Amino acid sequence: MQGITVTEVKGFGRQKGHTELYRGAEYIVDFLPKVKVEVAIGDSLLDQTLEAITKAANTGKIGDGKIFVGDLSQIIRIRTGETGEEAV
């Protein structure tokens, strides 16, 4: 089972955003542009996937991101009605 979604998002963590000047006024920009990657995989691919993401995303600087691992309790493909791994 495997599937991936990549989304351009805005957010902040330890970076806290920054300030910008616009027409002489200072504005606080709280949200920074980020990329959110969601991956649905079978348990057998977990370690390999975590290693690949960690290697690709690691710059050694603040903002490299975090990986959250969770279980998909139920998956349903709406079009076909398939469930579980077949739905991915």
N, C-alpha and C. Protein backbone atom coordinates (compact mmCIF):
# COMPACT_ATOMS: atom_id res chain seq x y z
N MET A 1 0.85 -1.17 0.00
CA MET A 1 0.00 0.00 0.00
C MET A 1 0.89 1.23 0.00
N GLN A 2 0.59 2.21 -0.84
CA GLN A 2 1.35 3.44 -0.86
C GLN A 2 0.56 4.54 -1.54
N GLY A 3 0.74 5.76 -1.06
CA GLY A 3 0.12 6.94 -1.64
C GLY A 3 0.77 8.16 -1.03
N ILE A 4 0.78 9.28 -1.77
CA ILE A 4 1.43 10.49 -1.28
C ILE A 4 0.64 11.72 -1.72
N THR A 5 0.60 12.73 -0.84
CA THR A 5 0.02 14.03 -1.14
C THR A 5 1.00 15.09 -0.67
N VAL A 6 1.30 16.07 -1.52
CA VAL A 6 2.19 17.17 -1.18
C VAL A 6 1.38 18.46 -1.30
N THR A 7 1.39 19.27 -0.23
CA THR A 7 0.59 20.49 -0.18
C THR A 7 1.47 21.66 0.25
N GLU A 8 1.31 22.81 -0.41
CA GLU A 8 1.97 24.03 0.05
C GLU A 8 1.09 24.64 1.13
N VAL A 9 1.67 24.85 2.32
CA VAL A 9 0.92 25.34 3.47
C VAL A 9 1.68 26.50 4.12
N LYS A 10 1.07 27.12 5.12
CA LYS A 10 1.74 28.16 5.90
C LYS A 10 1.64 27.78 7.37
N GLY A 11 2.68 28.06 8.14
CA GLY A 11 2.67 27.74 9.55
C GLY A 11 3.92 28.25 10.22
N PHE A 12 4.06 27.94 11.51
CA PHE A 12 5.30 28.29 12.20
C PHE A 12 5.49 27.36 13.38
N GLY A 13 6.73 27.19 13.75
CA GLY A 13 7.11 26.42 14.92
C GLY A 13 8.08 27.25 15.72
N ARG A 14 9.27 26.76 15.90
CA ARG A 14 10.29 27.52 16.63
C ARG A 14 10.76 28.76 15.88
N GLN A 15 10.53 28.79 14.57
CA GLN A 15 10.99 29.93 13.77
C GLN A 15 10.22 31.21 14.11
N LYS A 16 9.00 31.12 14.54
CA LYS A 16 8.16 32.23 15.00
C LYS A 16 7.81 33.28 13.95
N GLY A 17 8.18 33.13 12.72
CA GLY A 17 7.86 34.15 11.72
C GLY A 17 8.90 35.25 11.70
N HIS A 18 8.57 36.38 11.05
CA HIS A 18 9.50 37.48 10.92
C HIS A 18 8.74 38.78 10.70
N THR A 19 9.44 39.90 10.67
CA THR A 19 8.79 41.18 10.41
C THR A 19 9.18 41.66 9.02
N GLU A 20 8.26 42.41 8.38
CA GLU A 20 8.51 42.98 7.07
C GLU A 20 8.09 44.43 7.08
N LEU A 21 8.74 45.23 6.25
CA LEU A 21 8.40 46.63 6.11
C LEU A 21 7.59 46.81 4.83
N TYR A 22 6.44 47.49 4.92
CA TYR A 22 5.62 47.76 3.76
C TYR A 22 5.14 49.20 3.85
N ARG A 23 5.56 50.03 2.91
CA ARG A 23 5.21 51.45 2.87
C ARG A 23 5.49 52.14 4.20
N GLY A 24 6.64 51.82 4.76
CA GLY A 24 7.07 52.47 5.99
C GLY A 24 6.50 51.89 7.27
N ALA A 25 5.59 50.94 7.16
CA ALA A 25 4.99 50.33 8.35
C ALA A 25 5.56 48.93 8.52
N GLU A 26 5.78 48.54 9.77
CA GLU A 26 6.32 47.21 10.06
C GLU A 26 5.18 46.24 10.35
N TYR A 27 5.22 45.09 9.70
CA TYR A 27 4.20 44.07 9.88
C TYR A 27 4.85 42.78 10.36
N ILE A 28 4.18 42.09 11.26
CA ILE A 28 4.66 40.80 11.72
C ILE A 28 4.03 39.72 10.85
N VAL A 29 4.87 38.92 10.23
CA VAL A 29 4.40 37.81 9.41
C VAL A 29 4.56 36.55 10.25
N ASP A 30 3.45 36.08 10.83
CA ASP A 30 3.50 34.93 11.74
C ASP A 30 3.69 33.61 11.01
N PHE A 31 3.08 33.47 9.85
CA PHE A 31 3.11 32.20 9.14
C PHE A 31 4.16 32.21 8.05
N LEU A 32 4.92 31.13 7.99
CA LEU A 32 5.96 30.97 6.98
C LEU A 32 5.52 29.92 5.97
N PRO A 33 5.94 30.06 4.70
CA PRO A 33 5.59 29.03 3.72
C PRO A 33 6.28 27.71 4.05
N LYS A 34 5.53 26.64 3.95
CA LYS A 34 6.04 25.30 4.25
C LYS A 34 5.47 24.31 3.24
N VAL A 35 5.99 23.10 3.28
CA VAL A 35 5.47 22.02 2.46
C VAL A 35 5.03 20.90 3.39
N LYS A 36 3.81 20.42 3.21
CA LYS A 36 3.29 19.32 4.01
C LYS A 36 3.22 18.08 3.12
N VAL A 37 3.87 17.03 3.58
CA VAL A 37 3.90 15.78 2.83
C VAL A 37 3.14 14.73 3.65
N GLU A 38 2.12 14.15 3.06
CA GLU A 38 1.36 13.09 3.71
C GLU A 38 1.57 11.82 2.92
N VAL A 39 2.00 10.77 3.60
CA VAL A 39 2.30 9.51 2.94
C VAL A 39 1.51 8.40 3.61
N ALA A 40 0.81 7.60 2.81
CA ALA A 40 0.10 6.43 3.31
C ALA A 40 0.84 5.20 2.81
N ILE A 41 1.39 4.42 3.74
CA ILE A 41 2.19 3.25 3.37
C ILE A 41 1.85 2.08 4.29
N GLY A 42 2.21 0.91 3.85
CA GLY A 42 2.09 -0.28 4.69
C GLY A 42 3.21 -0.31 5.72
N ASP A 43 3.00 -1.04 6.79
CA ASP A 43 3.99 -1.12 7.87
C ASP A 43 5.36 -1.58 7.38
N SER A 44 5.39 -2.42 6.38
CA SER A 44 6.66 -2.96 5.89
C SER A 44 7.55 -1.89 5.26
N LEU A 45 6.97 -0.76 4.85
CA LEU A 45 7.74 0.31 4.21
C LEU A 45 8.07 1.46 5.17
N LEU A 46 7.66 1.36 6.44
CA LEU A 46 7.80 2.47 7.37
C LEU A 46 9.25 2.91 7.56
N ASP A 47 10.13 2.00 7.94
CA ASP A 47 11.52 2.37 8.22
C ASP A 47 12.20 2.96 6.98
N GLN A 48 11.98 2.36 5.84
CA GLN A 48 12.58 2.83 4.59
C GLN A 48 12.07 4.23 4.24
N THR A 49 10.79 4.47 4.44
CA THR A 49 10.19 5.77 4.14
C THR A 49 10.71 6.84 5.08
N LEU A 50 10.78 6.53 6.39
CA LEU A 50 11.29 7.49 7.36
C LEU A 50 12.73 7.87 7.05
N GLU A 51 13.54 6.91 6.67
CA GLU A 51 14.94 7.17 6.33
C GLU A 51 15.04 8.06 5.09
N ALA A 52 14.23 7.79 4.08
CA ALA A 52 14.28 8.58 2.85
C ALA A 52 13.85 10.03 3.10
N ILE A 53 12.79 10.23 3.87
CA ILE A 53 12.32 11.59 4.17
C ILE A 53 13.35 12.33 5.00
N THR A 54 13.90 11.67 6.01
CA THR A 54 14.89 12.30 6.88
C THR A 54 16.12 12.73 6.10
N LYS A 55 16.61 11.88 5.23
CA LYS A 55 17.79 12.21 4.43
C LYS A 55 17.50 13.37 3.48
N ALA A 56 16.34 13.37 2.85
CA ALA A 56 16.01 14.39 1.86
C ALA A 56 15.73 15.75 2.51
N ALA A 57 15.17 15.77 3.71
CA ALA A 57 14.76 17.02 4.34
C ALA A 57 15.80 17.63 5.26
N ASN A 58 16.82 16.89 5.62
CA ASN A 58 17.77 17.35 6.62
C ASN A 58 18.79 18.33 6.05
N THR A 59 18.71 19.59 6.53
CA THR A 59 19.72 20.59 6.19
C THR A 59 20.58 20.91 7.40
N GLY A 60 20.13 20.45 8.59
CA GLY A 60 20.84 20.75 9.82
C GLY A 60 20.46 22.10 10.40
N LYS A 61 19.47 22.76 9.81
CA LYS A 61 19.06 24.08 10.27
C LYS A 61 17.64 24.04 10.82
N ILE A 62 17.29 25.06 11.61
CA ILE A 62 15.92 25.17 12.10
C ILE A 62 14.98 25.23 10.90
N GLY A 63 13.88 24.53 10.98
CA GLY A 63 12.90 24.53 9.89
C GLY A 63 12.93 23.28 9.04
N ASP A 64 13.80 22.33 9.39
CA ASP A 64 13.84 21.08 8.63
C ASP A 64 12.52 20.32 8.74
N GLY A 65 11.77 20.55 9.81
CA GLY A 65 10.46 19.93 9.94
C GLY A 65 10.43 18.79 10.92
N LYS A 66 9.29 18.16 10.99
CA LYS A 66 9.05 17.03 11.87
C LYS A 66 8.32 15.94 11.09
N ILE A 67 8.44 14.73 11.60
CA ILE A 67 7.70 13.61 11.02
C ILE A 67 6.76 13.09 12.10
N PHE A 68 5.49 12.98 11.76
CA PHE A 68 4.50 12.41 12.65
C PHE A 68 4.05 11.08 12.05
N VAL A 69 4.06 10.02 12.84
CA VAL A 69 3.65 8.71 12.36
C VAL A 69 2.39 8.31 13.11
N GLY A 70 1.37 7.93 12.36
CA GLY A 70 0.12 7.50 12.97
C GLY A 70 -0.50 6.36 12.18
N ASP A 71 -1.42 5.68 12.81
CA ASP A 71 -2.12 4.58 12.15
C ASP A 71 -3.33 5.11 11.39
N LEU A 72 -3.59 4.52 10.24
CA LEU A 72 -4.81 4.81 9.49
C LEU A 72 -5.83 3.76 9.90
N SER A 73 -6.76 4.14 10.73
CA SER A 73 -7.70 3.16 11.29
C SER A 73 -8.68 2.65 10.25
N GLN A 74 -9.01 3.48 9.27
CA GLN A 74 -9.94 3.04 8.24
C GLN A 74 -9.68 3.82 6.96
N ILE A 75 -9.67 3.13 5.84
CA ILE A 75 -9.47 3.75 4.54
C ILE A 75 -10.59 3.26 3.62
N ILE A 76 -11.23 4.20 2.94
CA ILE A 76 -12.31 3.83 2.01
C ILE A 76 -12.12 4.61 0.71
N ARG A 77 -12.04 3.92 -0.42
CA ARG A 77 -12.01 4.58 -1.72
C ARG A 77 -13.47 4.83 -2.11
N ILE A 78 -13.84 6.08 -2.18
CA ILE A 78 -15.24 6.45 -2.40
C ILE A 78 -15.76 5.89 -3.72
N ARG A 79 -15.00 6.02 -4.79
CA ARG A 79 -15.46 5.61 -6.12
C ARG A 79 -15.83 4.14 -6.20
N THR A 80 -14.98 3.27 -5.60
CA THR A 80 -15.19 1.82 -5.76
C THR A 80 -15.72 1.14 -4.52
N GLY A 81 -15.63 1.81 -3.38
CA GLY A 81 -16.06 1.17 -2.14
C GLY A 81 -15.00 0.28 -1.52
N GLU A 82 -13.80 0.19 -2.15
CA GLU A 82 -12.73 -0.61 -1.60
C GLU A 82 -12.34 -0.08 -0.23
N THR A 83 -11.86 -0.98 0.62
CA THR A 83 -11.44 -0.58 1.97
C THR A 83 -10.05 -1.13 2.27
N GLY A 84 -9.44 -0.62 3.33
CA GLY A 84 -8.14 -1.10 3.76
C GLY A 84 -7.06 -0.78 2.76
N GLU A 85 -6.04 -1.64 2.69
CA GLU A 85 -4.89 -1.40 1.80
C GLU A 85 -5.29 -1.32 0.34
N GLU A 86 -6.33 -2.01 -0.06
CA GLU A 86 -6.77 -1.96 -1.46
C GLU A 86 -7.27 -0.57 -1.84
N ALA A 87 -7.71 0.22 -0.86
CA ALA A 87 -8.24 1.54 -1.13
C ALA A 87 -7.13 2.57 -1.39
N VAL A 88 -5.90 2.27 -0.97
CA VAL A 88 -4.80 3.21 -1.18
C VAL A 88 -4.28 3.03 -2.58
